[in-house]
Amino acid sequence: MIDFKIVPDAGEPYELKGTTRDVLSWEKTTKGASLKSLMDNPHMADMYKVAWFAAKRTSQFSGTLAEFESSVDLDFEFEEAEKEPDPTQ
């Protein structure tokens, strides 16, 4: 769903995939959050929170969200949904 590259202040960068479970956790803990809003207008705070949920889920980070935000940089890319070919070309 969302591919992250995590670059910690200490240690080697690593790849991380935010899944639907991470987005669901973000939606449940963020007022007014929706997948559509995340995809259409991503805010850095939201991306950090989704990445934090993914890092915790995969046991690659065990600290708080504030600790995650203050200790890593992040790059992200949304996976493109496979589209059906347009039959009216």
N, C-alpha and C. Protein backbone atom coordinates (compact mmCIF):
# COMPACT_ATOMS: atom_id res chain seq x y z
N MET A 1 0.82 -1.18 0.00
CA MET A 1 0.00 0.00 0.00
C MET A 1 0.87 1.26 0.00
N ILE A 2 1.75 1.42 1.01
CA ILE A 2 2.68 2.55 1.05
C ILE A 2 4.07 2.00 1.33
N ASP A 3 5.00 2.30 0.45
CA ASP A 3 6.38 1.88 0.64
C ASP A 3 7.16 3.00 1.30
N PHE A 4 7.79 2.68 2.41
CA PHE A 4 8.59 3.65 3.16
C PHE A 4 10.06 3.28 3.11
N LYS A 5 10.91 4.28 3.07
CA LYS A 5 12.33 4.10 3.34
C LYS A 5 12.60 4.86 4.62
N ILE A 6 13.03 4.14 5.65
CA ILE A 6 13.28 4.72 6.96
C ILE A 6 14.79 4.95 7.09
N VAL A 7 15.16 6.17 7.43
CA VAL A 7 16.57 6.52 7.60
C VAL A 7 16.78 6.99 9.04
N PRO A 8 17.20 6.07 9.92
CA PRO A 8 17.40 6.43 11.33
C PRO A 8 18.67 7.27 11.52
N ASP A 9 18.67 8.08 12.58
CA ASP A 9 19.87 8.85 12.92
C ASP A 9 21.03 7.91 13.21
N ALA A 10 20.74 6.80 13.85
CA ALA A 10 21.78 5.80 14.17
C ALA A 10 21.35 4.48 13.55
N GLY A 11 22.20 3.91 12.75
CA GLY A 11 21.86 2.63 12.14
C GLY A 11 21.67 2.76 10.64
N GLU A 12 21.41 1.63 10.03
CA GLU A 12 21.26 1.55 8.59
C GLU A 12 19.82 1.84 8.16
N PRO A 13 19.64 2.48 7.00
CA PRO A 13 18.29 2.66 6.46
C PRO A 13 17.64 1.30 6.18
N TYR A 14 16.32 1.27 6.22
CA TYR A 14 15.61 0.05 5.91
C TYR A 14 14.30 0.36 5.21
N GLU A 15 13.82 -0.63 4.47
CA GLU A 15 12.56 -0.51 3.75
C GLU A 15 11.44 -1.05 4.63
N LEU A 16 10.27 -0.47 4.45
CA LEU A 16 9.12 -0.84 5.27
C LEU A 16 7.88 -0.67 4.41
N LYS A 17 6.93 -1.58 4.52
CA LYS A 17 5.68 -1.47 3.78
C LYS A 17 4.54 -1.22 4.75
N GLY A 18 3.87 -0.07 4.58
CA GLY A 18 2.67 0.22 5.34
C GLY A 18 1.51 -0.53 4.70
N THR A 19 0.81 -1.33 5.48
CA THR A 19 -0.28 -2.15 4.95
C THR A 19 -1.62 -1.58 5.37
N THR A 20 -2.68 -2.25 4.95
CA THR A 20 -4.02 -1.81 5.32
C THR A 20 -4.21 -1.80 6.84
N ARG A 21 -3.54 -2.71 7.55
CA ARG A 21 -3.65 -2.75 9.02
C ARG A 21 -3.06 -1.48 9.64
N ASP A 22 -1.97 -0.99 9.06
CA ASP A 22 -1.35 0.23 9.58
C ASP A 22 -2.23 1.45 9.30
N VAL A 23 -2.80 1.49 8.10
CA VAL A 23 -3.71 2.60 7.76
C VAL A 23 -4.95 2.53 8.65
N LEU A 24 -5.46 1.34 8.91
CA LEU A 24 -6.61 1.19 9.80
C LEU A 24 -6.29 1.70 11.20
N SER A 25 -5.12 1.35 11.72
CA SER A 25 -4.71 1.84 13.04
C SER A 25 -4.63 3.36 13.05
N TRP A 26 -4.09 3.93 11.98
CA TRP A 26 -4.01 5.39 11.85
C TRP A 26 -5.41 6.00 11.84
N GLU A 27 -6.33 5.42 11.04
CA GLU A 27 -7.69 5.94 10.97
C GLU A 27 -8.38 5.91 12.34
N LYS A 28 -8.19 4.80 13.08
CA LYS A 28 -8.84 4.65 14.38
C LYS A 28 -8.32 5.63 15.43
N THR A 29 -7.10 6.12 15.25
CA THR A 29 -6.50 6.99 16.26
C THR A 29 -6.36 8.45 15.81
N THR A 30 -6.88 8.76 14.64
CA THR A 30 -6.76 10.12 14.10
C THR A 30 -8.13 10.63 13.70
N LYS A 31 -8.57 11.67 14.35
CA LYS A 31 -9.91 12.21 14.11
C LYS A 31 -10.05 12.68 12.65
N GLY A 32 -11.11 12.21 12.00
CA GLY A 32 -11.41 12.62 10.64
C GLY A 32 -10.55 11.98 9.57
N ALA A 33 -9.74 11.01 9.95
CA ALA A 33 -8.82 10.38 8.99
C ALA A 33 -9.55 9.40 8.08
N SER A 34 -9.11 9.37 6.83
CA SER A 34 -9.61 8.38 5.88
C SER A 34 -8.51 8.06 4.88
N LEU A 35 -8.60 6.89 4.30
CA LEU A 35 -7.62 6.49 3.30
C LEU A 35 -7.63 7.48 2.14
N LYS A 36 -8.80 7.93 1.74
CA LYS A 36 -8.90 8.88 0.62
C LYS A 36 -8.14 10.16 0.94
N SER A 37 -8.32 10.68 2.14
CA SER A 37 -7.61 11.92 2.49
C SER A 37 -6.10 11.70 2.55
N LEU A 38 -5.69 10.53 3.00
CA LEU A 38 -4.26 10.21 3.07
C LEU A 38 -3.65 10.15 1.67
N MET A 39 -4.37 9.54 0.74
CA MET A 39 -3.87 9.40 -0.62
C MET A 39 -3.93 10.72 -1.40
N ASP A 40 -5.01 11.48 -1.20
CA ASP A 40 -5.20 12.72 -1.98
C ASP A 40 -4.38 13.88 -1.45
N ASN A 41 -4.19 13.94 -0.14
CA ASN A 41 -3.52 15.10 0.46
C ASN A 41 -2.70 14.65 1.66
N PRO A 42 -1.60 13.93 1.41
CA PRO A 42 -0.83 13.39 2.54
C PRO A 42 -0.14 14.50 3.35
N HIS A 43 -0.29 14.44 4.64
CA HIS A 43 0.41 15.33 5.56
C HIS A 43 1.55 14.54 6.19
N MET A 44 2.66 15.20 6.40
CA MET A 44 3.84 14.49 6.92
C MET A 44 3.55 13.85 8.27
N ALA A 45 2.81 14.51 9.13
CA ALA A 45 2.50 13.94 10.44
C ALA A 45 1.73 12.62 10.28
N ASP A 46 0.83 12.57 9.32
CA ASP A 46 0.07 11.34 9.08
C ASP A 46 0.97 10.24 8.53
N MET A 47 1.87 10.59 7.63
CA MET A 47 2.77 9.59 7.06
C MET A 47 3.69 9.01 8.13
N TYR A 48 4.18 9.88 9.03
CA TYR A 48 5.01 9.38 10.12
C TYR A 48 4.23 8.42 11.01
N LYS A 49 2.96 8.74 11.25
CA LYS A 49 2.15 7.89 12.12
C LYS A 49 1.90 6.52 11.48
N VAL A 50 1.59 6.51 10.19
CA VAL A 50 1.40 5.23 9.49
C VAL A 50 2.70 4.43 9.49
N ALA A 51 3.83 5.10 9.22
CA ALA A 51 5.12 4.41 9.22
C ALA A 51 5.45 3.88 10.61
N TRP A 52 5.12 4.63 11.64
CA TRP A 52 5.36 4.19 13.02
C TRP A 52 4.56 2.92 13.33
N PHE A 53 3.28 2.92 12.92
CA PHE A 53 2.48 1.71 13.12
C PHE A 53 3.10 0.52 12.39
N ALA A 54 3.58 0.74 11.18
CA ALA A 54 4.20 -0.35 10.41
C ALA A 54 5.50 -0.81 11.07
N ALA A 55 6.30 0.13 11.54
CA ALA A 55 7.57 -0.23 12.19
C ALA A 55 7.33 -1.00 13.49
N LYS A 56 6.31 -0.61 14.24
CA LYS A 56 5.98 -1.34 15.47
C LYS A 56 5.44 -2.73 15.14
N ARG A 57 4.57 -2.81 14.13
CA ARG A 57 3.98 -4.10 13.74
C ARG A 57 5.05 -5.10 13.32
N THR A 58 6.08 -4.62 12.66
CA THR A 58 7.14 -5.50 12.16
C THR A 58 8.32 -5.60 13.13
N SER A 59 8.16 -5.05 14.34
CA SER A 59 9.19 -5.10 15.39
C SER A 59 10.50 -4.43 14.99
N GLN A 60 10.41 -3.41 14.17
CA GLN A 60 11.61 -2.68 13.77
C GLN A 60 11.79 -1.39 14.57
N PHE A 61 10.78 -1.06 15.40
CA PHE A 61 10.86 0.09 16.28
C PHE A 61 9.96 -0.20 17.47
N SER A 62 10.44 0.14 18.66
CA SER A 62 9.65 -0.17 19.86
C SER A 62 9.31 1.06 20.69
N GLY A 63 9.76 2.23 20.26
CA GLY A 63 9.52 3.44 21.05
C GLY A 63 8.19 4.10 20.74
N THR A 64 8.03 5.30 21.28
CA THR A 64 6.81 6.07 21.09
C THR A 64 6.82 6.75 19.72
N LEU A 65 5.67 7.27 19.33
CA LEU A 65 5.57 8.02 18.09
C LEU A 65 6.51 9.23 18.13
N ALA A 66 6.55 9.93 19.25
CA ALA A 66 7.43 11.10 19.38
C ALA A 66 8.90 10.70 19.21
N GLU A 67 9.28 9.57 19.76
CA GLU A 67 10.66 9.09 19.60
C GLU A 67 10.95 8.73 18.15
N PHE A 68 9.97 8.12 17.48
CA PHE A 68 10.12 7.77 16.07
C PHE A 68 10.29 9.03 15.23
N GLU A 69 9.43 10.00 15.46
CA GLU A 69 9.48 11.26 14.70
C GLU A 69 10.81 11.99 14.89
N SER A 70 11.37 11.93 16.08
CA SER A 70 12.59 12.67 16.35
C SER A 70 13.87 11.91 16.00
N SER A 71 13.74 10.65 15.59
CA SER A 71 14.95 9.87 15.34
C SER A 71 15.09 9.31 13.93
N VAL A 72 14.08 9.49 13.08
CA VAL A 72 14.19 8.97 11.72
C VAL A 72 13.70 10.00 10.70
N ASP A 73 14.30 9.92 9.52
CA ASP A 73 13.75 10.62 8.35
C ASP A 73 13.04 9.57 7.54
N LEU A 74 12.09 10.02 6.73
CA LEU A 74 11.37 9.03 5.97
C LEU A 74 11.06 9.52 4.57
N ASP A 75 11.12 8.58 3.65
CA ASP A 75 10.71 8.76 2.26
C ASP A 75 9.54 7.81 2.06
N PHE A 76 8.59 8.20 1.22
CA PHE A 76 7.47 7.29 1.00
C PHE A 76 6.98 7.40 -0.44
N GLU A 77 6.33 6.32 -0.85
CA GLU A 77 5.75 6.26 -2.18
C GLU A 77 4.51 5.39 -2.11
N PHE A 78 3.43 5.89 -2.68
CA PHE A 78 2.20 5.12 -2.73
C PHE A 78 2.31 4.11 -3.86
N GLU A 79 1.88 2.88 -3.59
CA GLU A 79 1.83 1.89 -4.66
C GLU A 79 0.70 2.27 -5.61
N GLU A 80 0.98 2.16 -6.88
CA GLU A 80 -0.05 2.44 -7.88
C GLU A 80 -1.02 1.27 -7.94
N ALA A 81 -2.29 1.58 -7.89
CA ALA A 81 -3.30 0.53 -8.04
C ALA A 81 -3.32 0.11 -9.50
N GLU A 82 -3.41 -1.17 -9.72
CA GLU A 82 -3.47 -1.66 -11.09
C GLU A 82 -4.81 -1.26 -11.69
N LYS A 83 -4.73 -0.61 -12.82
CA LYS A 83 -5.96 -0.14 -13.49
C LYS A 83 -6.27 -1.03 -14.67
N GLU A 84 -7.55 -1.22 -14.88
CA GLU A 84 -7.99 -1.97 -16.03
C GLU A 84 -7.79 -1.10 -17.28
N PRO A 85 -7.44 -1.70 -18.41
CA PRO A 85 -7.30 -0.91 -19.63
C PRO A 85 -8.63 -0.25 -20.02
N ASP A 86 -8.53 0.94 -20.55
CA ASP A 86 -9.73 1.68 -20.97
C ASP A 86 -10.27 1.06 -22.25
N PRO A 87 -11.48 0.49 -22.23
CA PRO A 87 -12.01 -0.18 -23.41
C PRO A 87 -12.44 0.81 -24.51
N THR A 88 -12.47 2.10 -24.18
CA THR A 88 -12.95 3.10 -25.16
C THR A 88 -11.81 3.87 -25.80
N GLN A 89 -10.61 3.28 -25.85
CA GLN A 89 -9.48 4.00 -26.41
C GLN A 89 -9.79 4.42 -27.79
